[in-house]
Amino acid sequence: GLKPREIAKVLGRRTATVQQQLTRGKSKVV
């Protein structure tokens, strides 16, 4: 239940990168 900004902090990534990975990951899941 973390927000993209929090995920970025946890994983040491940029927020934009996390948002892009979420979008692509959801696309792959669908």
Full PDB file with SEQRES, HELIX, SHEET, SSBOND, CRYST1, ORIGX, SCALE, CONECT and MASTER records, all heavy atoms in Angstrom:
SEQRES   1 A   30  GLY LEU LYS PRO ARG GLU ILE ALA LYS VAL LEU GLY ARG          
SEQRES   2 A   30  ARG THR ALA THR VAL GLN GLN GLN LEU THR ARG GLY LYS          
SEQRES   3 A   30  SER LYS VAL VAL                                              
HELIX    1 AA1 PRO A    4  LEU A   11  1                                   8    
HELIX    2 AA2 THR A   15  VAL A   29  1                                  15    
CRYST1    1.000    1.000    1.000  90.00  90.00  90.00 P 1           1          
ORIGX1      1.000000  0.000000  0.000000        0.00000                         
ORIGX2      0.000000  1.000000  0.000000        0.00000                         
ORIGX3      0.000000  0.000000  1.000000        0.00000                         
SCALE1      1.000000  0.000000  0.000000        0.00000                         
SCALE2      0.000000  1.000000  0.000000        0.00000                         
SCALE3      0.000000  0.000000  1.000000        0.00000                         
ATOM      1  N   GLY A   1       0.774  -1.231   0.000  1.00  0.00           N  
ATOM      2  CA  GLY A   1       0.000   0.000   0.000  1.00  0.00           C  
ATOM      3  C   GLY A   1       0.806   1.282   0.000  1.00  0.00           C  
ATOM      4  O   GLY A   1       0.297   2.346   0.343  1.00  0.00           O  
ATOM      5  N   LEU A   2       2.074   1.200  -0.401  1.00  0.00           N  
ATOM      6  CA  LEU A   2       2.903   2.401  -0.450  1.00  0.00           C  
ATOM      7  C   LEU A   2       2.576   3.238  -1.687  1.00  0.00           C  
ATOM      8  O   LEU A   2       2.153   2.714  -2.707  1.00  0.00           O  
ATOM      9  CB  LEU A   2       4.387   2.021  -0.472  1.00  0.00           C  
ATOM     10  CG  LEU A   2       4.946   1.285   0.739  1.00  0.00           C  
ATOM     11  CD1 LEU A   2       6.424   0.973   0.517  1.00  0.00           C  
ATOM     12  CD2 LEU A   2       4.742   2.073   2.007  1.00  0.00           C  
ATOM     13  N   LYS A   3       2.808   4.533  -1.578  1.00  0.00           N  
ATOM     14  CA  LYS A   3       2.634   5.443  -2.710  1.00  0.00           C  
ATOM     15  C   LYS A   3       3.922   5.428  -3.536  1.00  0.00           C  
ATOM     16  O   LYS A   3       4.983   5.072  -3.030  1.00  0.00           O  
ATOM     17  CB  LYS A   3       2.347   6.848  -2.196  1.00  0.00           C  
ATOM     18  CG  LYS A   3       1.021   6.923  -1.475  1.00  0.00           C  
ATOM     19  CD  LYS A   3       0.715   8.335  -1.040  1.00  0.00           C  
ATOM     20  CE  LYS A   3      -0.702   8.357  -0.533  1.00  0.00           C  
ATOM     21  NZ  LYS A   3      -0.915   8.897   0.725  1.00  0.00           N  
ATOM     22  N   PRO A   4       3.821   5.819  -4.821  1.00  0.00           N  
ATOM     23  CA  PRO A   4       5.019   5.786  -5.678  1.00  0.00           C  
ATOM     24  C   PRO A   4       6.217   6.527  -5.072  1.00  0.00           C  
ATOM     25  O   PRO A   4       7.351   6.050  -5.171  1.00  0.00           O  
ATOM     26  CB  PRO A   4       4.540   6.444  -6.976  1.00  0.00           C  
ATOM     27  CG  PRO A   4       3.082   6.111  -7.032  1.00  0.00           C  
ATOM     28  CD  PRO A   4       2.623   6.167  -5.594  1.00  0.00           C  
ATOM     29  N   ARG A   5       5.979   7.660  -4.446  1.00  0.00           N  
ATOM     30  CA  ARG A   5       7.077   8.424  -3.837  1.00  0.00           C  
ATOM     31  C   ARG A   5       7.746   7.604  -2.723  1.00  0.00           C  
ATOM     32  O   ARG A   5       8.973   7.576  -2.604  1.00  0.00           O  
ATOM     33  CB  ARG A   5       6.522   9.743  -3.285  1.00  0.00           C  
ATOM     34  CG  ARG A   5       7.585  10.676  -2.759  1.00  0.00           C  
ATOM     35  CD  ARG A   5       6.980  11.982  -2.228  1.00  0.00           C  
ATOM     36  NE  ARG A   5       6.243  11.755  -0.996  1.00  0.00           N  
ATOM     37  CZ  ARG A   5       4.913  11.843  -0.851  1.00  0.00           C  
ATOM     38  NH1 ARG A   5       4.150  12.182  -1.845  1.00  0.00           N  
ATOM     39  NH2 ARG A   5       4.340  11.605   0.299  1.00  0.00           N  
ATOM     40  N   GLU A   6       6.936   6.895  -1.937  1.00  0.00           N  
ATOM     41  CA  GLU A   6       7.476   6.073  -0.852  1.00  0.00           C  
ATOM     42  C   GLU A   6       8.236   4.866  -1.403  1.00  0.00           C  
ATOM     43  O   GLU A   6       9.282   4.485  -0.876  1.00  0.00           O  
ATOM     44  CB  GLU A   6       6.333   5.606   0.062  1.00  0.00           C  
ATOM     45  CG  GLU A   6       5.606   6.737   0.767  1.00  0.00           C  
ATOM     46  CD  GLU A   6       4.309   6.313   1.421  1.00  0.00           C  
ATOM     47  OE1 GLU A   6       3.582   5.469   0.845  1.00  0.00           O  
ATOM     48  OE2 GLU A   6       4.000   6.851   2.495  1.00  0.00           O  
ATOM     49  N   ILE A   7       7.692   4.284  -2.474  1.00  0.00           N  
ATOM     50  CA  ILE A   7       8.370   3.142  -3.110  1.00  0.00           C  
ATOM     51  C   ILE A   7       9.735   3.581  -3.630  1.00  0.00           C  
ATOM     52  O   ILE A   7      10.737   2.878  -3.465  1.00  0.00           O  
ATOM     53  CB  ILE A   7       7.510   2.565  -4.255  1.00  0.00           C  
ATOM     54  CG1 ILE A   7       6.198   2.000  -3.697  1.00  0.00           C  
ATOM     55  CG2 ILE A   7       8.276   1.496  -5.028  1.00  0.00           C  
ATOM     56  CD1 ILE A   7       5.174   1.647  -4.761  1.00  0.00           C  
ATOM     57  N   ALA A   8       9.769   4.759  -4.252  1.00  0.00           N  
ATOM     58  CA  ALA A   8      11.033   5.283  -4.782  1.00  0.00           C  
ATOM     59  C   ALA A   8      12.064   5.421  -3.675  1.00  0.00           C  
ATOM     60  O   ALA A   8      13.236   5.074  -3.851  1.00  0.00           O  
ATOM     61  CB  ALA A   8      10.790   6.635  -5.465  1.00  0.00           C  
ATOM     62  N   LYS A   9      11.621   5.904  -2.540  1.00  0.00           N  
ATOM     63  CA  LYS A   9      12.525   6.076  -1.401  1.00  0.00           C  
ATOM     64  C   LYS A   9      13.039   4.719  -0.916  1.00  0.00           C  
ATOM     65  O   LYS A   9      14.233   4.542  -0.678  1.00  0.00           O  
ATOM     66  CB  LYS A   9      11.784   6.805  -0.275  1.00  0.00           C  
ATOM     67  CG  LYS A   9      12.687   7.388   0.774  1.00  0.00           C  
ATOM     68  CD  LYS A   9      11.871   8.086   1.837  1.00  0.00           C  
ATOM     69  CE  LYS A   9      11.993   9.579   1.671  1.00  0.00           C  
ATOM     70  NZ  LYS A   9      11.348  10.328   2.754  1.00  0.00           N  
ATOM     71  N   VAL A  10      12.122   3.737  -0.795  1.00  0.00           N  
ATOM     72  CA  VAL A  10      12.492   2.403  -0.302  1.00  0.00           C  
ATOM     73  C   VAL A  10      13.473   1.719  -1.259  1.00  0.00           C  
ATOM     74  O   VAL A  10      14.454   1.114  -0.822  1.00  0.00           O  
ATOM     75  CB  VAL A  10      11.234   1.519  -0.118  1.00  0.00           C  
ATOM     76  CG1 VAL A  10      11.595   0.065   0.075  1.00  0.00           C  
ATOM     77  CG2 VAL A  10      10.398   2.015   1.050  1.00  0.00           C  
ATOM     78  N   LEU A  11      13.219   1.838  -2.554  1.00  0.00           N  
ATOM     79  CA  LEU A  11      14.042   1.137  -3.538  1.00  0.00           C  
ATOM     80  C   LEU A  11      15.226   1.954  -4.042  1.00  0.00           C  
ATOM     81  O   LEU A  11      16.036   1.453  -4.827  1.00  0.00           O  
ATOM     82  CB  LEU A  11      13.174   0.704  -4.731  1.00  0.00           C  
ATOM     83  CG  LEU A  11      12.057  -0.295  -4.420  1.00  0.00           C  
ATOM     84  CD1 LEU A  11      11.236  -0.572  -5.670  1.00  0.00           C  
ATOM     85  CD2 LEU A  11      12.618  -1.583  -3.837  1.00  0.00           C  
ATOM     86  N   GLY A  12      15.301   3.217  -3.634  1.00  0.00           N  
ATOM     87  CA  GLY A  12      16.399   4.067  -4.082  1.00  0.00           C  
ATOM     88  C   GLY A  12      16.297   4.424  -5.555  1.00  0.00           C  
ATOM     89  O   GLY A  12      17.310   4.517  -6.250  1.00  0.00           O  
ATOM     90  N   ARG A  13      15.071   4.590  -6.037  1.00  0.00           N  
ATOM     91  CA  ARG A  13      14.842   4.947  -7.430  1.00  0.00           C  
ATOM     92  C   ARG A  13      14.160   6.308  -7.501  1.00  0.00           C  
ATOM     93  O   ARG A  13      13.630   6.804  -6.512  1.00  0.00           O  
ATOM     94  CB  ARG A  13      13.941   3.911  -8.109  1.00  0.00           C  
ATOM     95  CG  ARG A  13      14.548   2.531  -8.133  1.00  0.00           C  
ATOM     96  CD  ARG A  13      13.610   1.519  -8.761  1.00  0.00           C  
ATOM     97  NE  ARG A  13      14.165   0.168  -8.599  1.00  0.00           N  
ATOM     98  CZ  ARG A  13      13.465  -0.931  -8.648  1.00  0.00           C  
ATOM     99  NH1 ARG A  13      12.179  -0.894  -8.888  1.00  0.00           N  
ATOM    100  NH2 ARG A  13      14.046  -2.101  -8.477  1.00  0.00           N  
ATOM    101  N   ARG A  14      14.127   6.873  -8.683  1.00  0.00           N  
ATOM    102  CA  ARG A  14      13.393   8.118  -8.873  1.00  0.00           C  
ATOM    103  C   ARG A  14      11.894   7.803  -8.917  1.00  0.00           C  
ATOM    104  O   ARG A  14      11.489   6.720  -9.365  1.00  0.00           O  
ATOM    105  CB  ARG A  14      13.808   8.781 -10.180  1.00  0.00           C  
ATOM    106  CG  ARG A  14      15.235   9.281 -10.180  1.00  0.00           C  
ATOM    107  CD  ARG A  14      15.616   9.922 -11.474  1.00  0.00           C  
ATOM    108  NE  ARG A  14      14.645   9.590 -12.538  1.00  0.00           N  
ATOM    109  CZ  ARG A  14      14.508  10.226 -13.670  1.00  0.00           C  
ATOM    110  NH1 ARG A  14      15.275  11.227 -13.935  1.00  0.00           N  
ATOM    111  NH2 ARG A  14      13.644   9.858 -14.566  1.00  0.00           N  
ATOM    112  N   THR A  15      11.074   8.745  -8.489  1.00  0.00           N  
ATOM    113  CA  THR A  15       9.626   8.554  -8.493  1.00  0.00           C  
ATOM    114  C   THR A  15       9.111   8.320  -9.908  1.00  0.00           C  
ATOM    115  O   THR A  15       8.250   7.467 -10.128  1.00  0.00           O  
ATOM    116  CB  THR A  15       8.912   9.771  -7.850  1.00  0.00           C  
ATOM    117  OG1 THR A  15       9.422   9.946  -6.525  1.00  0.00           O  
ATOM    118  CG2 THR A  15       7.416   9.571  -7.778  1.00  0.00           C  
ATOM    119  N   ALA A  16       9.644   9.050 -10.865  1.00  0.00           N  
ATOM    120  CA  ALA A  16       9.210   8.874 -12.260  1.00  0.00           C  
ATOM    121  C   ALA A  16       9.500   7.455 -12.744  1.00  0.00           C  
ATOM    122  O   ALA A  16       8.699   6.860 -13.479  1.00  0.00           O  
ATOM    123  CB  ALA A  16       9.895   9.893 -13.155  1.00  0.00           C  
ATOM    124  N   THR A  17      10.640   6.910 -12.319  1.00  0.00           N  
ATOM    125  CA  THR A  17      11.000   5.542 -12.702  1.00  0.00           C  
ATOM    126  C   THR A  17      10.001   4.553 -12.115  1.00  0.00           C  
ATOM    127  O   THR A  17       9.524   3.643 -12.795  1.00  0.00           O  
ATOM    128  CB  THR A  17      12.432   5.201 -12.220  1.00  0.00           C  
ATOM    129  OG1 THR A  17      13.342   6.139 -12.785  1.00  0.00           O  
ATOM    130  CG2 THR A  17      12.825   3.787 -12.593  1.00  0.00           C  
ATOM    131  N   VAL A  18       9.666   4.751 -10.844  1.00  0.00           N  
ATOM    132  CA  VAL A  18       8.714   3.868 -10.170  1.00  0.00           C  
ATOM    133  C   VAL A  18       7.352   3.947 -10.861  1.00  0.00           C  
ATOM    134  O   VAL A  18       6.708   2.919 -11.115  1.00  0.00           O  
ATOM    135  CB  VAL A  18       8.600   4.221  -8.667  1.00  0.00           C  
ATOM    136  CG1 VAL A  18       7.406   3.530  -8.036  1.00  0.00           C  
ATOM    137  CG2 VAL A  18       9.885   3.846  -7.946  1.00  0.00           C  
ATOM    138  N   GLN A  19       6.909   5.147 -11.196  1.00  0.00           N  
ATOM    139  CA  GLN A  19       5.620   5.297 -11.863  1.00  0.00           C  
ATOM    140  C   GLN A  19       5.608   4.605 -13.224  1.00  0.00           C  
ATOM    141  O   GLN A  19       4.635   3.950 -13.582  1.00  0.00           O  
ATOM    142  CB  GLN A  19       5.269   6.777 -12.007  1.00  0.00           C  
ATOM    143  CG  GLN A  19       4.908   7.400 -10.670  1.00  0.00           C  
ATOM    144  CD  GLN A  19       4.755   8.905 -10.729  1.00  0.00           C  
ATOM    145  OE1 GLN A  19       5.426   9.576 -11.494  1.00  0.00           O  
ATOM    146  NE2 GLN A  19       3.867   9.420  -9.893  1.00  0.00           N  
ATOM    147  N   GLN A  20       6.712   4.715 -13.933  1.00  0.00           N  
ATOM    148  CA  GLN A  20       6.819   4.050 -15.234  1.00  0.00           C  
ATOM    149  C   GLN A  20       6.811   2.527 -15.052  1.00  0.00           C  
ATOM    150  O   GLN A  20       6.162   1.809 -15.804  1.00  0.00           O  
ATOM    151  CB  GLN A  20       8.087   4.502 -15.950  1.00  0.00           C  
ATOM    152  CG  GLN A  20       8.204   3.955 -17.352  1.00  0.00           C  
ATOM    153  CD  GLN A  20       9.447   4.454 -18.046  1.00  0.00           C  
ATOM    154  OE1 GLN A  20      10.535   4.380 -17.473  1.00  0.00           O  
ATOM    155  NE2 GLN A  20       9.288   4.967 -19.257  1.00  0.00           N  
ATOM    156  N   GLN A  21       7.520   2.033 -14.041  1.00  0.00           N  
ATOM    157  CA  GLN A  21       7.540   0.597 -13.780  1.00  0.00           C  
ATOM    158  C   GLN A  21       6.172   0.086 -13.347  1.00  0.00           C  
ATOM    159  O   GLN A  21       5.773  -1.018 -13.719  1.00  0.00           O  
ATOM    160  CB  GLN A  21       8.605   0.265 -12.736  1.00  0.00           C  
ATOM    161  CG  GLN A  21      10.003   0.422 -13.266  1.00  0.00           C  
ATOM    162  CD  GLN A  21      11.071   0.303 -12.184  1.00  0.00           C  
ATOM    163  OE1 GLN A  21      10.832   0.571 -11.020  1.00  0.00           O  
ATOM    164  NE2 GLN A  21      12.273  -0.086 -12.603  1.00  0.00           N  
ATOM    165  N   LEU A  22       5.440   0.895 -12.590  1.00  0.00           N  
ATOM    166  CA  LEU A  22       4.079   0.516 -12.207  1.00  0.00           C  
ATOM    167  C   LEU A  22       3.192   0.410 -13.448  1.00  0.00           C  
ATOM    168  O   LEU A  22       2.444  -0.560 -13.609  1.00  0.00           O  
ATOM    169  CB  LEU A  22       3.480   1.538 -11.227  1.00  0.00           C  
ATOM    170  CG  LEU A  22       3.955   1.446  -9.786  1.00  0.00           C  
ATOM    171  CD1 LEU A  22       3.514   2.672  -8.995  1.00  0.00           C  
ATOM    172  CD2 LEU A  22       3.433   0.177  -9.127  1.00  0.00           C  
ATOM    173  N   THR A  23       3.279   1.379 -14.320  1.00  0.00           N  
ATOM    174  CA  THR A  23       2.468   1.374 -15.543  1.00  0.00           C  
ATOM    175  C   THR A  23       2.793   0.169 -16.411  1.00  0.00           C  
ATOM    176  O   THR A  23       1.895  -0.546 -16.865  1.00  0.00           O  
ATOM    177  CB  THR A  23       2.687   2.684 -16.333  1.00  0.00           C  
ATOM    178  OG1 THR A  23       2.324   3.783 -15.505  1.00  0.00           O  
ATOM    179  CG2 THR A  23       1.865   2.698 -17.613  1.00  0.00           C  
ATOM    180  N   ARG A  24       4.076  -0.064 -16.630  1.00  0.00           N  
ATOM    181  CA  ARG A  24       4.478  -1.200 -17.462  1.00  0.00           C  
ATOM    182  C   ARG A  24       4.150  -2.529 -16.789  1.00  0.00           C  
ATOM    183  O   ARG A  24       3.724  -3.476 -17.442  1.00  0.00           O  
ATOM    184  CB  ARG A  24       5.969  -1.117 -17.768  1.00  0.00           C  
ATOM    185  CG  ARG A  24       6.301  -0.013 -18.741  1.00  0.00           C  
ATOM    186  CD  ARG A  24       7.782   0.054 -19.035  1.00  0.00           C  
ATOM    187  NE  ARG A  24       8.080   1.133 -19.955  1.00  0.00           N  
ATOM    188  CZ  ARG A  24       9.291   1.592 -20.187  1.00  0.00           C  
ATOM    189  NH1 ARG A  24      10.331   1.045 -19.592  1.00  0.00           N  
ATOM    190  NH2 ARG A  24       9.474   2.588 -21.036  1.00  0.00           N  
ATOM    191  N   GLY A  25       4.351  -2.594 -15.477  1.00  0.00           N  
ATOM    192  CA  GLY A  25       4.044  -3.817 -14.742  1.00  0.00           C  
ATOM    193  C   GLY A  25       2.555  -4.147 -14.799  1.00  0.00           C  
ATOM    194  O   GLY A  25       2.177  -5.300 -15.018  1.00  0.00           O  
ATOM    195  N   LYS A  26       1.725  -3.136 -14.622  1.00  0.00           N  
ATOM    196  CA  LYS A  26       0.271  -3.359 -14.703  1.00  0.00           C  
ATOM    197  C   LYS A  26      -0.121  -3.819 -16.101  1.00  0.00           C  
ATOM    198  O   LYS A  26      -0.970  -4.695 -16.249  1.00  0.00           O  
ATOM    199  CB  LYS A  26      -0.496  -2.094 -14.321  1.00  0.00           C  
ATOM    200  CG  LYS A  26      -0.444  -1.800 -12.832  1.00  0.00           C  
ATOM    201  CD  LYS A  26      -1.377  -0.693 -12.425  1.00  0.00           C  
ATOM    202  CE  LYS A  26      -0.871   0.647 -12.842  1.00  0.00           C  
ATOM    203  NZ  LYS A  26      -1.649   1.767 -12.287  1.00  0.00           N  
ATOM    204  N   SER A  27       0.511  -3.245 -17.098  1.00  0.00           N  
ATOM    205  CA  SER A  27       0.233  -3.643 -18.481  1.00  0.00           C  
ATOM    206  C   SER A  27       0.564  -5.120 -18.678  1.00  0.00           C  
ATOM    207  O   SER A  27      -0.198  -5.871 -19.283  1.00  0.00           O  
ATOM    208  CB  SER A  27       1.048  -2.771 -19.429  1.00  0.00           C  
ATOM    209  OG  SER A  27       0.882  -3.187 -20.742  1.00  0.00           O  
ATOM    210  N   LYS A  28       1.702  -5.543 -18.144  1.00  0.00           N  
ATOM    211  CA  LYS A  28       2.110  -6.942 -18.262  1.00  0.00           C  
ATOM    212  C   LYS A  28       1.159  -7.869 -17.493  1.00  0.00           C  
ATOM    213  O   LYS A  28       0.819  -8.945 -17.963  1.00  0.00           O  
ATOM    214  CB  LYS A  28       3.536  -7.124 -17.764  1.00  0.00           C  
ATOM    215  CG  LYS A  28       4.575  -6.503 -18.683  1.00  0.00           C  
ATOM    216  CD  LYS A  28       5.981  -6.731 -18.167  1.00  0.00           C  
ATOM    217  CE  LYS A  28       7.017  -6.114 -19.066  1.00  0.00           C  
ATOM    218  NZ  LYS A  28       7.046  -6.643 -20.424  1.00  0.00           N  
ATOM    219  N   VAL A  29       0.704  -7.409 -16.312  1.00  0.00           N  
ATOM    220  CA  VAL A  29      -0.237  -8.208 -15.524  1.00  0.00           C  
ATOM    221  C   VAL A  29      -1.540  -8.405 -16.294  1.00  0.00           C  
ATOM    222  O   VAL A  29      -2.067  -9.516 -16.373  1.00  0.00           O  
ATOM    223  CB  VAL A  29      -0.513  -7.553 -14.147  1.00  0.00           C  
ATOM    224  CG1 VAL A  29      -1.712  -8.188 -13.465  1.00  0.00           C  
ATOM    225  CG2 VAL A  29       0.721  -7.664 -13.255  1.00  0.00           C  
ATOM    226  N   VAL A  30      -2.053  -7.337 -16.870  1.00  0.00           N  
ATOM    227  CA  VAL A  30      -3.307  -7.426 -17.626  1.00  0.00           C  
ATOM    228  C   VAL A  30      -3.147  -8.363 -18.816  1.00  0.00           C  
ATOM    229  O   VAL A  30      -4.006  -9.206 -19.085  1.00  0.00           O  
ATOM    230  CB  VAL A  30      -3.788  -6.019 -18.063  1.00  0.00           C  
ATOM    231  CG1 VAL A  30      -4.915  -6.118 -19.073  1.00  0.00           C  
ATOM    232  CG2 VAL A  30      -4.224  -5.214 -16.852  1.00  0.00           C  
TER     233      VAL A  30                                                      
MASTER        0    0    0    2    0    0    0    6  232    1    0    3          
END                                                                             
